[in-house]
Amino acid sequence: MKCPFCGFADTKVIDSRAQDENTAIRRRRTCEQCGKRFTTYERIDMIPITIIKRDGTREIFDKNKLLNGILKSCNKRPVTMKQMEKLVDDIENILAGSGEREVESKAIGNMVMDRLKELDEVAYVRFASVYRQFKDINSFMAELEKMRHEKNIEQ
């Protein structure tokens, strides 16, 4: 780290402490040449994930928007807020860990549906009805039949 006072390239860390709930590190440094002290902060540089919508438009991934959609699906269902937040956190972690900068909304929708199916089948169908844009009762019934068939295979 270069000294901000004299420009010397060699500095020494004399103290390190976690900051902001362990999301940053505060380091006290001293310059090996002029002896002056200064503070630096180290943070993870998160690259925002862009979502490619069905119509081709792009928008920045919004964790709250995803949670709101899940909240609507789980309205008056026995799914706790903690479970919903964990679902959203899991998806966010998968996206961040993938290394991809752009993700299709279809992939995120499928991740949500897979997890909702395990949490609550009614919430799953509610989410699927909006996500898959069911046009009529027949498309709704087809999804229910598919679920019934999958359940029979598992048993």
C-alpha atoms as a PDB file:
ATOM      1  CA  MET A   1       0.000   0.000   0.000  1.00  0.00           C
ATOM      2  CA  LYS A   2       1.399   3.355  -1.040  1.00  0.00           C
ATOM      3  CA  CYS A   3       1.775   6.032   1.660  1.00  0.00           C
ATOM      4  CA  PRO A   4      -0.668   8.932   1.004  1.00  0.00           C
ATOM      5  CA  PHE A   5       1.812  11.413   2.555  1.00  0.00           C
ATOM      6  CA  CYS A   6       5.184  10.673   0.942  1.00  0.00           C
ATOM      7  CA  GLY A   7       4.252   8.160  -1.787  1.00  0.00           C
ATOM      8  CA  PHE A   8       6.610   5.468  -0.473  1.00  0.00           C
ATOM      9  CA  ALA A   9       5.461   2.037  -1.660  1.00  0.00           C
ATOM     10  CA  ASP A  10       6.245   0.070   1.501  1.00  0.00           C
ATOM     11  CA  THR A  11       3.870   0.352   4.475  1.00  0.00           C
ATOM     12  CA  LYS A  12       3.324  -1.875   7.470  1.00  0.00           C
ATOM     13  CA  VAL A  13      -0.014  -2.996   8.950  1.00  0.00           C
ATOM     14  CA  ILE A  14      -0.008  -2.325  12.692  1.00  0.00           C
ATOM     15  CA  ASP A  15      -3.658  -3.192  13.504  1.00  0.00           C
ATOM     16  CA  SER A  16      -6.592  -4.893  11.746  1.00  0.00           C
ATOM     17  CA  ARG A  17     -10.215  -4.939  12.886  1.00  0.00           C
ATOM     18  CA  ALA A  18     -13.481  -6.162  11.396  1.00  0.00           C
ATOM     19  CA  GLN A  19     -16.015  -3.433  10.596  1.00  0.00           C
ATOM     20  CA  ASP A  20     -19.638  -3.251   9.446  1.00  0.00           C
ATOM     21  CA  GLU A  21     -20.632  -6.700  10.772  1.00  0.00           C
ATOM     22  CA  ASN A  22     -17.565  -8.390   9.249  1.00  0.00           C
ATOM     23  CA  THR A  23     -18.160  -7.017   5.751  1.00  0.00           C
ATOM     24  CA  ALA A  24     -15.066  -4.809   5.855  1.00  0.00           C
ATOM     25  CA  ILE A  25     -11.620  -4.750   7.455  1.00  0.00           C
ATOM     26  CA  ARG A  26     -10.156  -1.561   8.902  1.00  0.00           C
ATOM     27  CA  ARG A  27      -6.357  -1.515   8.824  1.00  0.00           C
ATOM     28  CA  ARG A  28      -4.069   0.962  10.608  1.00  0.00           C
ATOM     29  CA  ARG A  29      -0.833   1.324   8.701  1.00  0.00           C
ATOM     30  CA  THR A  30       2.464   3.076   9.181  1.00  0.00           C
ATOM     31  CA  CYS A  31       4.832   4.244   6.474  1.00  0.00           C
ATOM     32  CA  GLU A  32       8.278   2.640   6.598  1.00  0.00           C
ATOM     33  CA  GLN A  33       9.881   5.860   5.286  1.00  0.00           C
ATOM     34  CA  CYS A  34       8.150   8.879   6.846  1.00  0.00           C
ATOM     35  CA  GLY A  35       6.618   7.088   9.870  1.00  0.00           C
ATOM     36  CA  LYS A  36       3.165   8.650   9.459  1.00  0.00           C
ATOM     37  CA  ARG A  37       0.072   6.561  10.169  1.00  0.00           C
ATOM     38  CA  PHE A  38      -3.067   6.192   8.087  1.00  0.00           C
ATOM     39  CA  THR A  39      -6.157   3.983   7.856  1.00  0.00           C
ATOM     40  CA  THR A  40      -7.339   1.839   4.950  1.00  0.00           C
ATOM     41  CA  TYR A  41     -10.524  -0.184   4.502  1.00  0.00           C
ATOM     42  CA  GLU A  42     -10.856  -3.446   2.607  1.00  0.00           C
ATOM     43  CA  ARG A  43     -14.284  -4.494   1.257  1.00  0.00           C
ATOM     44  CA  ILE A  44     -15.541  -7.112  -1.151  1.00  0.00           C
ATOM     45  CA  ASP A  45     -16.307  -5.542  -4.501  1.00  0.00           C
ATOM     46  CA  MET A  46     -19.657  -7.030  -5.466  1.00  0.00           C
ATOM     47  CA  ILE A  47     -20.487  -6.907  -9.157  1.00  0.00           C
ATOM     48  CA  PRO A  48     -24.223  -6.411  -9.613  1.00  0.00           C
ATOM     49  CA  ILE A  49     -26.084  -9.209 -11.371  1.00  0.00           C
ATOM     50  CA  THR A  50     -28.206  -8.202 -14.346  1.00  0.00           C
ATOM     51  CA  ILE A  51     -31.475 -10.008 -14.990  1.00  0.00           C
ATOM     52  CA  ILE A  52     -32.518 -10.564 -18.611  1.00  0.00           C
ATOM     53  CA  LYS A  53     -36.300 -10.341 -18.714  1.00  0.00           C
ATOM     54  CA  ARG A  54     -38.539 -12.268 -21.144  1.00  0.00           C
ATOM     55  CA  ASP A  55     -38.887  -9.250 -23.410  1.00  0.00           C
ATOM     56  CA  GLY A  56     -35.101  -8.847 -23.587  1.00  0.00           C
ATOM     57  CA  THR A  57     -34.876  -5.843 -21.284  1.00  0.00           C
ATOM     58  CA  ARG A  58     -32.314  -5.877 -18.520  1.00  0.00           C
ATOM     59  CA  GLU A  59     -32.495  -4.775 -14.908  1.00  0.00           C
ATOM     60  CA  ILE A  60     -30.328  -5.105 -11.816  1.00  0.00           C
ATOM     61  CA  PHE A  61     -31.192  -8.058  -9.547  1.00  0.00           C
ATOM     62  CA  ASP A  62     -33.365  -6.797  -6.697  1.00  0.00           C
ATOM     63  CA  LYS A  63     -33.572  -9.123  -3.715  1.00  0.00           C
ATOM     64  CA  ASN A  64     -36.578  -7.227  -2.321  1.00  0.00           C
ATOM     65  CA  LYS A  65     -38.519  -7.574  -5.569  1.00  0.00           C
ATOM     66  CA  LEU A  66     -37.984 -11.334  -5.493  1.00  0.00           C
ATOM     67  CA  LEU A  67     -39.021 -11.507  -1.833  1.00  0.00           C
ATOM     68  CA  ASN A  68     -42.203  -9.511  -2.560  1.00  0.00           C
ATOM     69  CA  GLY A  69     -43.222 -11.997  -5.257  1.00  0.00           C
ATOM     70  CA  ILE A  70     -42.658 -14.885  -2.878  1.00  0.00           C
ATOM     71  CA  LEU A  71     -44.567 -13.082  -0.109  1.00  0.00           C
ATOM     72  CA  LYS A  72     -47.588 -12.789  -2.397  1.00  0.00           C
ATOM     73  CA  SER A  73     -47.419 -16.496  -3.218  1.00  0.00           C
ATOM     74  CA  CYS A  74     -47.172 -17.448   0.453  1.00  0.00           C
ATOM     75  CA  ASN A  75     -49.910 -15.099   1.665  1.00  0.00           C
ATOM     76  CA  LYS A  76     -52.006 -16.848   4.348  1.00  0.00           C
ATOM     77  CA  ARG A  77     -49.924 -20.010   4.032  1.00  0.00           C
ATOM     78  CA  PRO A  78     -47.920 -21.726   6.800  1.00  0.00           C
ATOM     79  CA  VAL A  79     -44.582 -20.475   5.441  1.00  0.00           C
ATOM     80  CA  THR A  80     -42.586 -18.331   7.854  1.00  0.00           C
ATOM     81  CA  MET A  81     -40.834 -15.106   6.954  1.00  0.00           C
ATOM     82  CA  LYS A  82     -37.578 -16.777   7.952  1.00  0.00           C
ATOM     83  CA  GLN A  83     -38.163 -19.568   5.396  1.00  0.00           C
ATOM     84  CA  MET A  84     -38.946 -17.054   2.656  1.00  0.00           C
ATOM     85  CA  GLU A  85     -35.877 -14.942   3.455  1.00  0.00           C
ATOM     86  CA  LYS A  86     -33.710 -18.065   3.450  1.00  0.00           C
ATOM     87  CA  LEU A  87     -35.108 -19.022   0.038  1.00  0.00           C
ATOM     88  CA  VAL A  88     -34.216 -15.572  -1.345  1.00  0.00           C
ATOM     89  CA  ASP A  89     -30.775 -15.624   0.328  1.00  0.00           C
ATOM     90  CA  ASP A  90     -30.062 -19.084  -1.119  1.00  0.00           C
ATOM     91  CA  ILE A  91     -30.948 -17.911  -4.623  1.00  0.00           C
ATOM     92  CA  GLU A  92     -28.877 -14.740  -4.224  1.00  0.00           C
ATOM     93  CA  ASN A  93     -25.895 -16.820  -3.055  1.00  0.00           C
ATOM     94  CA  ILE A  94     -26.253 -19.205  -6.003  1.00  0.00           C
ATOM     95  CA  LEU A  95     -26.347 -16.265  -8.414  1.00  0.00           C
ATOM     96  CA  ALA A  96     -23.348 -14.554  -6.777  1.00  0.00           C
ATOM     97  CA  GLY A  97     -21.404 -17.809  -6.693  1.00  0.00           C
ATOM     98  CA  SER A  98     -22.091 -18.625 -10.322  1.00  0.00           C
ATOM     99  CA  GLY A  99     -19.746 -15.904 -11.538  1.00  0.00           C
ATOM    100  CA  GLU A 100     -22.258 -14.942 -14.223  1.00  0.00           C
ATOM    101  CA  ARG A 101     -22.968 -11.234 -14.629  1.00  0.00           C
ATOM    102  CA  GLU A 102     -26.216 -11.790 -16.516  1.00  0.00           C
ATOM    103  CA  VAL A 103     -28.908 -14.331 -15.678  1.00  0.00           C
ATOM    104  CA  GLU A 104     -32.205 -14.966 -17.444  1.00  0.00           C
ATOM    105  CA  SER A 105     -35.294 -14.339 -15.317  1.00  0.00           C
ATOM    106  CA  LYS A 106     -36.465 -17.792 -16.390  1.00  0.00           C
ATOM    107  CA  ALA A 107     -33.598 -19.422 -14.440  1.00  0.00           C
ATOM    108  CA  ILE A 108     -34.472 -17.465 -11.297  1.00  0.00           C
ATOM    109  CA  GLY A 109     -38.161 -18.307 -11.650  1.00  0.00           C
ATOM    110  CA  ASN A 110     -37.329 -21.992 -11.948  1.00  0.00           C
ATOM    111  CA  MET A 111     -35.136 -21.833  -8.823  1.00  0.00           C
ATOM    112  CA  VAL A 112     -37.975 -20.193  -6.885  1.00  0.00           C
ATOM    113  CA  MET A 113     -40.515 -22.748  -8.079  1.00  0.00           C
ATOM    114  CA  ASP A 114     -38.268 -25.695  -7.182  1.00  0.00           C
ATOM    115  CA  ARG A 115     -37.876 -24.399  -3.643  1.00  0.00           C
ATOM    116  CA  LEU A 116     -41.508 -23.341  -3.209  1.00  0.00           C
ATOM    117  CA  LYS A 117     -42.664 -26.789  -4.290  1.00  0.00           C
ATOM    118  CA  GLU A 118     -40.746 -28.206  -1.304  1.00  0.00           C
ATOM    119  CA  LEU A 119     -42.025 -25.540   1.124  1.00  0.00           C
ATOM    120  CA  ASP A 120     -45.703 -25.293   0.210  1.00  0.00           C
ATOM    121  CA  GLU A 121     -47.537 -26.677  -2.821  1.00  0.00           C
ATOM    122  CA  VAL A 122     -50.232 -23.987  -2.792  1.00  0.00           C
ATOM    123  CA  ALA A 123     -47.610 -21.225  -2.749  1.00  0.00           C
ATOM    124  CA  TYR A 124     -45.865 -23.050  -5.597  1.00  0.00           C
ATOM    125  CA  VAL A 125     -49.036 -23.099  -7.719  1.00  0.00           C
ATOM    126  CA  ARG A 126     -49.720 -19.440  -6.961  1.00  0.00           C
ATOM    127  CA  PHE A 127     -46.200 -18.461  -8.008  1.00  0.00           C
ATOM    128  CA  ALA A 128     -46.323 -20.707 -11.084  1.00  0.00           C
ATOM    129  CA  SER A 129     -49.642 -19.225 -12.190  1.00  0.00           C
ATOM    130  CA  VAL A 130     -48.097 -15.752 -12.391  1.00  0.00           C
ATOM    131  CA  TYR A 131     -44.637 -16.841 -13.531  1.00  0.00           C
ATOM    132  CA  ARG A 132     -45.865 -19.163 -16.278  1.00  0.00           C
ATOM    133  CA  GLN A 133     -48.688 -16.770 -17.158  1.00  0.00           C
ATOM    134  CA  PHE A 134     -51.536 -19.285 -17.044  1.00  0.00           C
ATOM    135  CA  LYS A 135     -54.088 -18.107 -19.580  1.00  0.00           C
ATOM    136  CA  ASP A 136     -57.071 -20.195 -18.492  1.00  0.00           C
ATOM    137  CA  ILE A 137     -58.281 -22.933 -16.158  1.00  0.00           C
ATOM    138  CA  ASN A 138     -56.904 -25.644 -18.476  1.00  0.00           C
ATOM    139  CA  SER A 139     -53.295 -24.483 -18.063  1.00  0.00           C
ATOM    140  CA  PHE A 140     -53.886 -24.294 -14.312  1.00  0.00           C
ATOM    141  CA  MET A 141     -55.303 -27.814 -14.240  1.00  0.00           C
ATOM    142  CA  ALA A 142     -52.433 -29.118 -16.372  1.00  0.00           C
ATOM    143  CA  GLU A 143     -49.963 -27.865 -13.752  1.00  0.00           C
ATOM    144  CA  LEU A 144     -51.973 -29.507 -10.969  1.00  0.00           C
ATOM    145  CA  GLU A 145     -52.064 -32.796 -12.874  1.00  0.00           C
ATOM    146  CA  LYS A 146     -48.331 -32.614 -13.428  1.00  0.00           C
ATOM    147  CA  MET A 147     -47.818 -32.136  -9.676  1.00  0.00           C
ATOM    148  CA  ARG A 148     -50.170 -35.041  -8.871  1.00  0.00           C
ATOM    149  CA  HIS A 149     -48.307 -37.292 -11.319  1.00  0.00           C
ATOM    150  CA  GLU A 150     -44.911 -36.356  -9.828  1.00  0.00           C
ATOM    151  CA  LYS A 151     -46.234 -37.038  -6.340  1.00  0.00           C
ATOM    152  CA  ASN A 152     -47.528 -40.475  -7.360  1.00  0.00           C
ATOM    153  CA  ILE A 153     -44.143 -41.367  -8.869  1.00  0.00           C
ATOM    154  CA  GLU A 154     -42.376 -40.396  -5.615  1.00  0.00           C
ATOM    155  CA  GLN A 155     -44.636 -42.683  -3.562  1.00  0.00           C
END
